[in-house]
Amino acid sequence: MTSAGSTSIRAQRRAAVLALGGVVAPLLFAAVVLVCAALRPGYSHVRQFISELGETGGSHSRLMNFAGFVPAGVLFMAFGVSLLQVVPRTTASLAAALLIVVYGLGAAGAGVYSCDPGCPTTHLSTHATLHLVVSFTAFAAGIVGIALWAHCFRTREGWRSLWRFSAVSSALALVLLVLFNVSEPTRTWTGAWQRLFVLTLDLWCMVVGYRAFRVFSAPDPW
């Protein structure tokens, strides 16, 4: 085997491992959310923000932030890096992969910068302001990144079956984000809309991450 061939195989294996970040991150994050919510009497998944579990001064905020948000964000970033090898490098595919990396970076940032108690949206501390900025940057990056992947998958043999799934996921996520924002002043179904929004983005990451893992693990993926 040539040196170039060995290098290519090692690159494929690294990409396969990184792709699994898209599968593991949502499972890890969901598990930590459920644990932290169970440890907080009276917490409502229907009405309350996920970020309230990691709010400043919260009883289990460090668990939520540093076992949930931060590691999940790092895993999403790894998944985004693996996507750089999914299709031929173009401006669209590069932007799409980088946006998924930004999604992960924003998720990690939401754990580093906590919201104020109760996660209000006005009269914010510096940390809470940064939390809001990185969170919505992540949300926007996820929606736009998945939409771009729909375009990239549509023209790539072997990935074409995912383009409709990607397009629907991006559109559905946008609708759910609007519903989430509209419900915020009254906190009516706010938590439910947010969870459905996150589920939509994370399900896409899991499906694409698993497909990428299988492709990169194949003896000759191309």
C-alpha atoms as a PDB file:
ATOM      1  CA  MET A   1       0.000   0.000   0.000  1.00  0.00           C
ATOM      2  CA  THR A   2       1.349   3.441  -0.916  1.00  0.00           C
ATOM      3  CA  SER A   3       1.947   6.185   1.604  1.00  0.00           C
ATOM      4  CA  ALA A   4      -0.837   8.192  -0.008  1.00  0.00           C
ATOM      5  CA  GLY A   5      -3.211   5.230   0.337  1.00  0.00           C
ATOM      6  CA  SER A   6      -2.368   4.778   4.018  1.00  0.00           C
ATOM      7  CA  THR A   7      -2.907   8.480   4.643  1.00  0.00           C
ATOM      8  CA  SER A   8      -6.265   8.318   2.889  1.00  0.00           C
ATOM      9  CA  ILE A   9      -7.402   5.356   4.996  1.00  0.00           C
ATOM     10  CA  ARG A  10      -6.340   7.088   8.215  1.00  0.00           C
ATOM     11  CA  ALA A  11      -8.244  10.209   7.146  1.00  0.00           C
ATOM     12  CA  GLN A  12     -11.341   8.099   6.469  1.00  0.00           C
ATOM     13  CA  ARG A  13     -11.110   6.480   9.898  1.00  0.00           C
ATOM     14  CA  ARG A  14     -10.744   9.852  11.610  1.00  0.00           C
ATOM     15  CA  ALA A  15     -13.720  11.160   9.678  1.00  0.00           C
ATOM     16  CA  ALA A  16     -15.774   8.101  10.698  1.00  0.00           C
ATOM     17  CA  VAL A  17     -14.996   8.703  14.382  1.00  0.00           C
ATOM     18  CA  LEU A  18     -15.799  12.412  14.101  1.00  0.00           C
ATOM     19  CA  ALA A  19     -19.065  11.646  12.288  1.00  0.00           C
ATOM     20  CA  LEU A  20     -20.253   9.690  15.321  1.00  0.00           C
ATOM     21  CA  GLY A  21     -20.319  12.994  17.182  1.00  0.00           C
ATOM     22  CA  GLY A  22     -23.576  13.730  15.378  1.00  0.00           C
ATOM     23  CA  VAL A  23     -25.059  10.524  16.806  1.00  0.00           C
ATOM     24  CA  VAL A  24     -23.685  10.684  20.339  1.00  0.00           C
ATOM     25  CA  ALA A  25     -24.220  14.405  21.036  1.00  0.00           C
ATOM     26  CA  PRO A  26     -28.057  14.386  20.937  1.00  0.00           C
ATOM     27  CA  LEU A  27     -28.229  11.243  23.084  1.00  0.00           C
ATOM     28  CA  LEU A  28     -25.840  12.682  25.665  1.00  0.00           C
ATOM     29  CA  PHE A  29     -27.604  16.030  25.760  1.00  0.00           C
ATOM     30  CA  ALA A  30     -31.075  14.475  26.102  1.00  0.00           C
ATOM     31  CA  ALA A  31     -29.901  12.199  28.907  1.00  0.00           C
ATOM     32  CA  VAL A  32     -28.390  15.092  30.888  1.00  0.00           C
ATOM     33  CA  VAL A  33     -31.520  17.216  30.375  1.00  0.00           C
ATOM     34  CA  LEU A  34     -33.725  14.412  31.707  1.00  0.00           C
ATOM     35  CA  VAL A  35     -31.466  13.820  34.709  1.00  0.00           C
ATOM     36  CA  CYS A  36     -31.216  17.514  35.632  1.00  0.00           C
ATOM     37  CA  ALA A  37     -34.966  18.007  35.179  1.00  0.00           C
ATOM     38  CA  ALA A  38     -35.689  15.031  37.436  1.00  0.00           C
ATOM     39  CA  LEU A  39     -33.413  16.534  40.087  1.00  0.00           C
ATOM     40  CA  ARG A  40     -35.338  19.823  40.003  1.00  0.00           C
ATOM     41  CA  PRO A  41     -38.773  19.562  41.676  1.00  0.00           C
ATOM     42  CA  GLY A  42     -41.544  21.328  39.773  1.00  0.00           C
ATOM     43  CA  TYR A  43     -39.578  21.786  36.565  1.00  0.00           C
ATOM     44  CA  SER A  44     -41.804  21.685  33.463  1.00  0.00           C
ATOM     45  CA  HIS A  45     -40.560  20.401  30.102  1.00  0.00           C
ATOM     46  CA  VAL A  46     -43.648  21.978  28.527  1.00  0.00           C
ATOM     47  CA  ARG A  47     -43.242  25.523  29.820  1.00  0.00           C
ATOM     48  CA  GLN A  48     -39.609  26.094  30.765  1.00  0.00           C
ATOM     49  CA  PHE A  49     -36.452  26.653  28.742  1.00  0.00           C
ATOM     50  CA  ILE A  50     -33.832  23.922  28.621  1.00  0.00           C
ATOM     51  CA  SER A  51     -31.314  26.596  29.612  1.00  0.00           C
ATOM     52  CA  GLU A  52     -33.057  27.079  32.953  1.00  0.00           C
ATOM     53  CA  LEU A  53     -31.491  23.803  34.031  1.00  0.00           C
ATOM     54  CA  GLY A  54     -28.098  25.491  33.677  1.00  0.00           C
ATOM     55  CA  GLU A  55     -29.082  28.952  34.900  1.00  0.00           C
ATOM     56  CA  THR A  56     -26.700  30.942  37.071  1.00  0.00           C
ATOM     57  CA  GLY A  57     -26.925  29.732  40.662  1.00  0.00           C
ATOM     58  CA  GLY A  58     -28.986  26.655  39.771  1.00  0.00           C
ATOM     59  CA  SER A  59     -28.657  23.634  42.047  1.00  0.00           C
ATOM     60  CA  HIS A  60     -27.412  21.393  39.237  1.00  0.00           C
ATOM     61  CA  SER A  61     -26.299  24.008  36.735  1.00  0.00           C
ATOM     62  CA  ARG A  62     -22.723  22.735  36.517  1.00  0.00           C
ATOM     63  CA  LEU A  63     -23.980  19.256  35.652  1.00  0.00           C
ATOM     64  CA  MET A  64     -26.220  20.640  32.901  1.00  0.00           C
ATOM     65  CA  ASN A  65     -23.614  22.985  31.508  1.00  0.00           C
ATOM     66  CA  PHE A  66     -20.449  20.911  31.715  1.00  0.00           C
ATOM     67  CA  ALA A  67     -21.888  17.420  31.218  1.00  0.00           C
ATOM     68  CA  GLY A  68     -24.574  18.508  28.754  1.00  0.00           C
ATOM     69  CA  PHE A  69     -24.140  21.716  26.772  1.00  0.00           C
ATOM     70  CA  VAL A  70     -20.350  21.828  26.500  1.00  0.00           C
ATOM     71  CA  PRO A  71     -19.511  18.196  25.612  1.00  0.00           C
ATOM     72  CA  ALA A  72     -22.511  17.918  23.286  1.00  0.00           C
ATOM     73  CA  GLY A  73     -21.382  21.106  21.560  1.00  0.00           C
ATOM     74  CA  VAL A  74     -17.859  19.741  21.098  1.00  0.00           C
ATOM     75  CA  LEU A  75     -19.274  16.531  19.607  1.00  0.00           C
ATOM     76  CA  PHE A  76     -21.456  18.515  17.202  1.00  0.00           C
ATOM     77  CA  MET A  77     -18.373  20.479  16.150  1.00  0.00           C
ATOM     78  CA  ALA A  78     -16.530  17.217  15.468  1.00  0.00           C
ATOM     79  CA  PHE A  79     -19.473  16.057  13.364  1.00  0.00           C
ATOM     80  CA  GLY A  80     -19.381  19.310  11.412  1.00  0.00           C
ATOM     81  CA  VAL A  81     -15.676  18.820  10.686  1.00  0.00           C
ATOM     82  CA  SER A  82     -16.359  15.291   9.377  1.00  0.00           C
ATOM     83  CA  LEU A  83     -18.878  16.709   6.903  1.00  0.00           C
ATOM     84  CA  LEU A  84     -16.050  18.479   5.092  1.00  0.00           C
ATOM     85  CA  GLN A  85     -15.304  15.110   3.482  1.00  0.00           C
ATOM     86  CA  VAL A  86     -18.859  14.098   2.610  1.00  0.00           C
ATOM     87  CA  VAL A  87     -19.045  15.772  -0.799  1.00  0.00           C
ATOM     88  CA  PRO A  88     -16.515  17.407  -3.129  1.00  0.00           C
ATOM     89  CA  ARG A  89     -15.284  20.655  -1.549  1.00  0.00           C
ATOM     90  CA  THR A  90     -17.311  23.549  -2.923  1.00  0.00           C
ATOM     91  CA  THR A  91     -18.242  26.934  -1.523  1.00  0.00           C
ATOM     92  CA  ALA A  92     -21.687  25.585  -0.583  1.00  0.00           C
ATOM     93  CA  SER A  93     -20.430  22.407   1.105  1.00  0.00           C
ATOM     94  CA  LEU A  94     -17.699  24.296   2.968  1.00  0.00           C
ATOM     95  CA  ALA A  95     -20.229  26.847   4.239  1.00  0.00           C
ATOM     96  CA  ALA A  96     -22.681  24.077   5.152  1.00  0.00           C
ATOM     97  CA  ALA A  97     -20.067  22.165   7.164  1.00  0.00           C
ATOM     98  CA  LEU A  98     -18.833  25.312   8.919  1.00  0.00           C
ATOM     99  CA  LEU A  99     -22.398  26.235   9.889  1.00  0.00           C
ATOM    100  CA  ILE A 100     -22.798  22.864  11.606  1.00  0.00           C
ATOM    101  CA  VAL A 101     -19.532  23.556  13.428  1.00  0.00           C
ATOM    102  CA  VAL A 102     -20.994  26.917  14.502  1.00  0.00           C
ATOM    103  CA  TYR A 103     -24.110  25.093  15.711  1.00  0.00           C
ATOM    104  CA  GLY A 104     -21.900  22.997  17.961  1.00  0.00           C
ATOM    105  CA  LEU A 105     -19.840  25.991  19.058  1.00  0.00           C
ATOM    106  CA  GLY A 106     -23.029  27.813  20.027  1.00  0.00           C
ATOM    107  CA  ALA A 107     -24.278  24.825  22.007  1.00  0.00           C
ATOM    108  CA  ALA A 108     -21.000  24.690  23.921  1.00  0.00           C
ATOM    109  CA  GLY A 109     -21.087  28.456  24.426  1.00  0.00           C
ATOM    110  CA  ALA A 110     -24.579  28.199  25.915  1.00  0.00           C
ATOM    111  CA  GLY A 111     -23.028  26.088  28.661  1.00  0.00           C
ATOM    112  CA  VAL A 112     -20.097  28.410  29.249  1.00  0.00           C
ATOM    113  CA  TYR A 113     -22.365  31.474  29.452  1.00  0.00           C
ATOM    114  CA  SER A 114     -25.415  30.755  31.615  1.00  0.00           C
ATOM    115  CA  CYS A 115     -28.723  32.583  31.525  1.00  0.00           C
ATOM    116  CA  ASP A 116     -29.935  34.522  34.564  1.00  0.00           C
ATOM    117  CA  PRO A 117     -32.295  32.717  36.981  1.00  0.00           C
ATOM    118  CA  GLY A 118     -35.534  31.970  35.139  1.00  0.00           C
ATOM    119  CA  CYS A 119     -33.884  32.846  31.803  1.00  0.00           C
ATOM    120  CA  PRO A 120     -35.527  36.276  31.331  1.00  0.00           C
ATOM    121  CA  THR A 121     -35.036  38.055  27.994  1.00  0.00           C
ATOM    122  CA  THR A 122     -34.778  41.618  29.331  1.00  0.00           C
ATOM    123  CA  HIS A 123     -32.467  43.390  31.824  1.00  0.00           C
ATOM    124  CA  LEU A 124     -29.799  40.773  31.295  1.00  0.00           C
ATOM    125  CA  SER A 125     -26.409  40.332  32.881  1.00  0.00           C
ATOM    126  CA  THR A 126     -23.383  40.130  30.599  1.00  0.00           C
ATOM    127  CA  HIS A 127     -23.293  36.337  30.880  1.00  0.00           C
ATOM    128  CA  ALA A 128     -27.001  36.070  30.076  1.00  0.00           C
ATOM    129  CA  THR A 129     -26.622  38.381  27.075  1.00  0.00           C
ATOM    130  CA  LEU A 130     -23.818  36.215  25.725  1.00  0.00           C
ATOM    131  CA  HIS A 131     -25.928  33.121  26.385  1.00  0.00           C
ATOM    132  CA  LEU A 132     -28.736  34.581  24.300  1.00  0.00           C
ATOM    133  CA  VAL A 133     -26.380  35.584  21.487  1.00  0.00           C
ATOM    134  CA  VAL A 134     -24.601  32.222  21.210  1.00  0.00           C
ATOM    135  CA  SER A 135     -27.875  30.296  21.504  1.00  0.00           C
ATOM    136  CA  PHE A 136     -29.617  32.084  18.657  1.00  0.00           C
ATOM    137  CA  THR A 137     -26.447  32.055  16.579  1.00  0.00           C
ATOM    138  CA  ALA A 138     -26.449  28.273  16.993  1.00  0.00           C
ATOM    139  CA  PHE A 139     -30.154  28.054  16.105  1.00  0.00           C
ATOM    140  CA  ALA A 140     -29.725  30.127  12.944  1.00  0.00           C
ATOM    141  CA  ALA A 141     -26.569  28.258  11.924  1.00  0.00           C
ATOM    142  CA  GLY A 142     -28.321  24.915  12.329  1.00  0.00           C
ATOM    143  CA  ILE A 143     -31.307  25.911  10.194  1.00  0.00           C
ATOM    144  CA  VAL A 144     -29.270  27.493   7.403  1.00  0.00           C
ATOM    145  CA  GLY A 145     -26.601  24.792   7.507  1.00  0.00           C
ATOM    146  CA  ILE A 146     -29.142  21.993   7.070  1.00  0.00           C
ATOM    147  CA  ALA A 147     -30.807  23.905   4.222  1.00  0.00           C
ATOM    148  CA  LEU A 148     -27.441  24.161   2.477  1.00  0.00           C
ATOM    149  CA  TRP A 149     -26.860  20.445   2.995  1.00  0.00           C
ATOM    150  CA  ALA A 150     -30.181  19.767   1.273  1.00  0.00           C
ATOM    151  CA  HIS A 151     -28.744  21.567  -1.761  1.00  0.00           C
ATOM    152  CA  CYS A 152     -25.429  19.705  -1.556  1.00  0.00           C
ATOM    153  CA  PHE A 153     -27.026  16.283  -1.100  1.00  0.00           C
ATOM    154  CA  ARG A 154     -29.327  16.801  -4.054  1.00  0.00           C
ATOM    155  CA  THR A 155     -26.406  16.806  -6.464  1.00  0.00           C
ATOM    156  CA  ARG A 156     -24.307  14.088  -4.824  1.00  0.00           C
ATOM    157  CA  GLU A 157     -24.702  10.437  -5.826  1.00  0.00           C
ATOM    158  CA  GLY A 158     -25.080   8.254  -2.750  1.00  0.00           C
ATOM    159  CA  TRP A 159     -26.430  11.116  -0.643  1.00  0.00           C
ATOM    160  CA  ARG A 160     -29.334  12.216  -2.820  1.00  0.00           C
ATOM    161  CA  SER A 161     -31.846  10.309  -0.696  1.00  0.00           C
ATOM    162  CA  LEU A 162     -31.183  12.731   2.181  1.00  0.00           C
ATOM    163  CA  TRP A 163     -31.882  15.988   0.386  1.00  0.00           C
ATOM    164  CA  ARG A 164     -35.678  15.990   0.970  1.00  0.00           C
ATOM    165  CA  PHE A 165     -35.208  14.960   4.595  1.00  0.00           C
ATOM    166  CA  SER A 166     -32.748  17.829   5.006  1.00  0.00           C
ATOM    167  CA  ALA A 167     -35.008  20.367   3.306  1.00  0.00           C
ATOM    168  CA  VAL A 168     -38.006  19.356   5.443  1.00  0.00           C
ATOM    169  CA  SER A 169     -35.892  19.382   8.618  1.00  0.00           C
ATOM    170  CA  SER A 170     -34.665  22.910   7.923  1.00  0.00           C
ATOM    171  CA  ALA A 171     -38.148  24.224   7.128  1.00  0.00           C
ATOM    172  CA  LEU A 172     -39.728  22.500  10.127  1.00  0.00           C
ATOM    173  CA  ALA A 173     -37.021  23.820  12.432  1.00  0.00           C
ATOM    174  CA  LEU A 174     -37.684  27.366  11.213  1.00  0.00           C
ATOM    175  CA  VAL A 175     -41.427  27.022  11.911  1.00  0.00           C
ATOM    176  CA  LEU A 176     -40.754  25.614  15.377  1.00  0.00           C
ATOM    177  CA  LEU A 177     -38.293  28.403  16.166  1.00  0.00           C
ATOM    178  CA  VAL A 178     -40.950  30.987  15.262  1.00  0.00           C
ATOM    179  CA  LEU A 179     -43.508  29.222  17.487  1.00  0.00           C
ATOM    180  CA  PHE A 180     -40.941  29.068  20.272  1.00  0.00           C
ATOM    181  CA  ASN A 181     -40.273  32.812  20.051  1.00  0.00           C
ATOM    182  CA  VAL A 182     -43.958  33.731  19.794  1.00  0.00           C
ATOM    183  CA  SER A 183     -44.802  31.684  22.896  1.00  0.00           C
ATOM    184  CA  GLU A 184     -41.966  33.104  25.002  1.00  0.00           C
ATOM    185  CA  PRO A 185     -43.811  36.119  26.523  1.00  0.00           C
ATOM    186  CA  THR A 186     -46.523  33.904  28.029  1.00  0.00           C
ATOM    187  CA  ARG A 187     -44.408  30.753  28.465  1.00  0.00           C
ATOM    188  CA  THR A 188     -47.290  28.741  26.960  1.00  0.00           C
ATOM    189  CA  TRP A 189     -45.810  25.579  25.410  1.00  0.00           C
ATOM    190  CA  THR A 190     -42.473  27.389  25.209  1.00  0.00           C
ATOM    191  CA  GLY A 191     -40.501  24.432  26.514  1.00  0.00           C
ATOM    192  CA  ALA A 192     -42.340  22.032  24.224  1.00  0.00           C
ATOM    193  CA  TRP A 193     -41.676  24.149  21.113  1.00  0.00           C
ATOM    194  CA  GLN A 194     -38.023  24.497  22.046  1.00  0.00           C
ATOM    195  CA  ARG A 195     -37.610  20.776  22.562  1.00  0.00           C
ATOM    196  CA  LEU A 196     -39.299  19.964  19.261  1.00  0.00           C
ATOM    197  CA  PHE A 197     -37.017  22.490  17.564  1.00  0.00           C
ATOM    198  CA  VAL A 198     -33.889  20.988  19.101  1.00  0.00           C
ATOM    199  CA  LEU A 199     -35.159  17.477  18.338  1.00  0.00           C
ATOM    200  CA  THR A 200     -35.583  18.394  14.659  1.00  0.00           C
ATOM    201  CA  LEU A 201     -32.009  19.661  14.342  1.00  0.00           C
ATOM    202  CA  ASP A 202     -30.531  16.853  16.411  1.00  0.00           C
ATOM    203  CA  LEU A 203     -32.429  14.117  14.584  1.00  0.00           C
ATOM    204  CA  TRP A 204     -30.928  15.418  11.349  1.00  0.00           C
ATOM    205  CA  CYS A 205     -27.468  15.268  12.932  1.00  0.00           C
ATOM    206  CA  MET A 206     -28.064  11.693  14.072  1.00  0.00           C
ATOM    207  CA  VAL A 207     -29.308  10.474  10.681  1.00  0.00           C
ATOM    208  CA  VAL A 208     -26.580  12.194   8.682  1.00  0.00           C
ATOM    209  CA  GLY A 209     -23.912  11.353  11.252  1.00  0.00           C
ATOM    210  CA  TYR A 210     -24.773   7.662  11.089  1.00  0.00           C
ATOM    211  CA  ARG A 211     -24.815   7.705   7.283  1.00  0.00           C
ATOM    212  CA  ALA A 212     -21.440   9.482   7.216  1.00  0.00           C
ATOM    213  CA  PHE A 213     -20.003   6.971   9.700  1.00  0.00           C
ATOM    214  CA  ARG A 214     -21.060   4.069   7.494  1.00  0.00           C
ATOM    215  CA  VAL A 215     -19.682   5.725   4.365  1.00  0.00           C
ATOM    216  CA  PHE A 216     -16.341   6.568   5.943  1.00  0.00           C
ATOM    217  CA  SER A 217     -16.080   3.096   7.475  1.00  0.00           C
ATOM    218  CA  ALA A 218     -16.508   1.368   4.121  1.00  0.00           C
ATOM    219  CA  PRO A 219     -13.348  -0.120   2.562  1.00  0.00           C
ATOM    220  CA  ASP A 220     -13.720   2.120  -0.492  1.00  0.00           C
ATOM    221  CA  PRO A 221     -16.306   4.859   0.276  1.00  0.00           C
ATOM    222  CA  TRP A 222     -15.839   6.584  -3.045  1.00  0.00           C
END
